[in-house]
Amino acid sequence: MEKDGEVRVVCPQCGGVNRAQKVKLAEGKRPDCGACGAPLFCGAIEAPDDAAFARHVARTSLPLLVDFWAEWCGPCKMMSPAFAAAAKNLDTRVRCLKVDTEKLQETAQRFAIRSIPTLILIKDGREIARQAGAIDANAIQRWAASQGAA
């Protein structure tokens, strides 16, 4: 159970659920996983499969900013560095995930992805906002903040 002043974060390496203190995150501290020792915050992370993505949605208490993309998509490739830059600035306040719609087809169907790139903001396991089309890093950060995520 999450205590006041703590957040739950799923480790991008082992999938273990960790607790982190909000105060320490606000101070810029970046904790490591208690199970495997990997950094919990390392910018945007790629969801390797549908089950891992579902675990992040269900177990991470931070807002999730998800970039739905595909390798063959030109605008997706163009936006990828912008998403990575935004993720570094949002890290510890928002968990940024990348979902390859070709590999994670179940997840793409669950969120009814019709065009890519598409950004979806998820809070408490529910989609709260959606933005289609390629945008730059500053626009990504402004959009996330305007939705109450950052």
Protein backbone atom coordinates (compact mmCIF):
# COMPACT_ATOMS: atom_id res chain seq x y z
CA MET A 1 0.00 0.00 0.00
CA GLU A 2 1.27 3.44 -0.94
CA LYS A 3 1.86 5.86 1.90
CA ASP A 4 1.34 9.60 1.72
CA GLY A 5 4.46 11.18 0.29
CA GLU A 6 5.43 8.09 -1.72
CA VAL A 7 4.97 6.93 -5.29
CA ARG A 8 5.12 3.43 -6.75
CA VAL A 9 7.41 2.90 -9.72
CA VAL A 10 7.87 -0.24 -11.82
CA CYS A 11 11.51 -1.03 -12.57
CA PRO A 12 12.23 -0.84 -16.31
CA GLN A 13 14.67 -3.78 -16.02
CA CYS A 14 13.12 -6.43 -13.77
CA GLY A 15 9.52 -5.24 -13.46
CA GLY A 16 9.72 -5.06 -9.67
CA VAL A 17 7.54 -2.48 -7.94
CA ASN A 18 9.44 0.05 -5.85
CA ARG A 19 8.40 2.86 -3.53
CA ALA A 20 10.10 6.24 -3.79
CA GLN A 21 9.68 9.29 -1.60
CA LYS A 22 8.23 12.31 -3.41
CA VAL A 23 10.47 14.70 -1.44
CA LYS A 24 13.63 12.95 -2.60
CA LEU A 25 12.40 12.84 -6.20
CA ALA A 26 11.65 16.58 -6.03
CA GLU A 27 15.24 17.12 -4.83
CA GLY A 28 16.48 15.41 -8.00
CA LYS A 29 17.45 12.12 -6.40
CA ARG A 30 17.01 9.12 -8.68
CA PRO A 31 16.70 5.85 -6.73
CA ASP A 32 17.68 2.40 -7.94
CA CYS A 33 15.53 -0.72 -7.93
CA GLY A 34 15.56 -2.55 -4.62
CA ALA A 35 15.50 -5.92 -6.39
CA CYS A 36 17.97 -5.64 -9.28
CA GLY A 37 19.80 -2.35 -8.62
CA ALA A 38 18.94 -0.81 -12.01
CA PRO A 39 18.10 2.91 -12.13
CA LEU A 40 14.34 3.49 -11.77
CA PHE A 41 14.47 6.76 -13.70
CA CYS A 42 16.38 6.84 -16.96
CA GLY A 43 14.22 8.86 -19.34
CA ALA A 44 11.86 7.22 -21.79
CA ILE A 45 11.64 3.45 -21.58
CA GLU A 46 10.36 0.99 -24.14
CA ALA A 47 7.63 -1.42 -23.08
CA PRO A 48 8.98 -4.82 -24.24
CA ASP A 49 5.60 -6.56 -24.36
CA ASP A 50 1.90 -6.10 -23.61
CA ALA A 51 2.20 -7.64 -20.14
CA ALA A 52 5.02 -5.27 -19.13
CA PHE A 53 3.03 -2.27 -20.35
CA ALA A 54 -0.05 -3.44 -18.42
CA ARG A 55 2.12 -3.80 -15.29
CA HIS A 56 3.32 -0.18 -15.62
CA VAL A 57 -0.27 1.02 -16.00
CA ALA A 58 -1.54 -1.02 -13.06
CA ARG A 59 1.34 -0.57 -10.62
CA THR A 60 2.98 2.83 -11.29
CA SER A 61 1.33 5.66 -9.38
CA LEU A 62 3.02 8.42 -11.40
CA PRO A 63 1.16 9.67 -14.48
CA LEU A 64 2.23 7.75 -17.60
CA LEU A 65 2.97 9.57 -20.85
CA VAL A 66 2.91 7.02 -23.65
CA ASP A 67 4.28 7.50 -27.17
CA PHE A 68 2.60 5.07 -29.56
CA TRP A 69 4.85 4.73 -32.62
CA ALA A 70 6.14 2.34 -35.30
CA GLU A 71 9.56 1.83 -36.87
CA TRP A 72 8.30 2.47 -40.42
CA CYS A 73 6.63 5.81 -39.51
CA GLY A 74 8.56 8.91 -40.64
CA PRO A 75 6.80 11.37 -38.27
CA CYS A 76 7.39 8.90 -35.41
CA LYS A 77 11.12 8.83 -36.14
CA MET A 78 11.12 12.61 -36.34
CA MET A 79 9.41 12.93 -32.94
CA SER A 80 11.50 10.26 -31.18
CA PRO A 81 14.36 12.61 -30.12
CA ALA A 82 11.80 15.17 -28.93
CA PHE A 83 10.03 12.55 -26.80
CA ALA A 84 13.39 11.45 -25.35
CA ALA A 85 14.28 15.06 -24.47
CA ALA A 86 10.87 15.68 -22.90
CA ALA A 87 11.16 12.42 -20.94
CA LYS A 88 14.47 13.53 -19.40
CA ASN A 89 12.86 16.79 -18.25
CA LEU A 90 9.69 15.08 -16.98
CA ASP A 91 11.48 12.16 -15.31
CA THR A 92 10.56 11.55 -11.65
CA ARG A 93 7.25 13.42 -12.17
CA VAL A 94 5.92 11.46 -15.15
CA ARG A 95 6.85 7.96 -16.35
CA CYS A 96 7.44 8.12 -20.12
CA LEU A 97 6.91 4.93 -22.08
CA LYS A 98 7.28 4.09 -25.76
CA VAL A 99 4.97 1.51 -27.30
CA ASP A 100 5.81 0.06 -30.71
CA THR A 101 2.36 -0.55 -32.19
CA GLU A 102 3.72 -3.29 -34.46
CA LYS A 103 5.08 -5.30 -31.52
CA LEU A 104 2.44 -4.49 -28.90
CA GLN A 105 -0.64 -4.89 -31.05
CA GLU A 106 -2.90 -5.85 -28.12
CA THR A 107 -2.01 -2.61 -26.32
CA ALA A 108 -2.47 -0.56 -29.50
CA GLN A 109 -5.92 -2.12 -29.97
CA ARG A 110 -6.83 -1.57 -26.31
CA PHE A 111 -6.19 2.16 -26.74
CA ALA A 112 -7.78 2.27 -30.24
CA ILE A 113 -4.67 3.72 -31.88
CA ARG A 114 -5.71 4.85 -35.37
CA SER A 115 -2.80 7.13 -36.27
CA ILE A 116 0.78 7.46 -35.14
CA PRO A 117 2.54 9.06 -33.48
CA THR A 118 -0.06 9.39 -30.74
CA LEU A 119 0.64 10.50 -27.17
CA ILE A 120 -1.67 9.28 -24.42
CA LEU A 121 -1.58 10.44 -20.84
CA ILE A 122 -2.72 7.83 -18.30
CA LYS A 123 -3.47 8.56 -14.65
CA ASP A 124 -4.70 6.00 -12.13
CA GLY A 125 -4.94 3.41 -14.90
CA ARG A 126 -7.24 5.52 -17.11
CA GLU A 127 -6.61 7.54 -20.24
CA ILE A 128 -7.12 11.22 -19.45
CA ALA A 129 -5.82 12.90 -22.62
CA ARG A 130 -4.68 12.14 -26.17
CA GLN A 131 -2.60 14.07 -28.72
CA ALA A 132 -2.10 12.85 -32.29
CA GLY A 133 0.73 13.95 -34.55
CA ALA A 134 4.39 14.79 -34.17
CA ILE A 135 5.26 17.67 -31.83
CA ASP A 136 8.52 19.01 -30.40
CA ALA A 137 9.90 18.47 -26.88
CA ASN A 138 8.64 21.78 -25.50
CA ALA A 139 5.15 21.14 -26.86
CA ILE A 140 5.16 17.65 -25.31
CA GLN A 141 6.08 19.09 -21.92
CA ARG A 142 3.51 21.91 -22.19
CA TRP A 143 0.81 19.45 -23.22
CA ALA A 144 1.59 17.09 -20.32
CA ALA A 145 1.57 20.03 -17.88
CA SER A 146 -1.71 21.37 -19.28
CA GLN A 147 -3.26 17.96 -18.52
CA GLY A 148 -2.06 18.13 -14.90
CA ALA A 149 0.74 15.59 -15.30
CA ALA A 150 3.85 17.65 -14.68
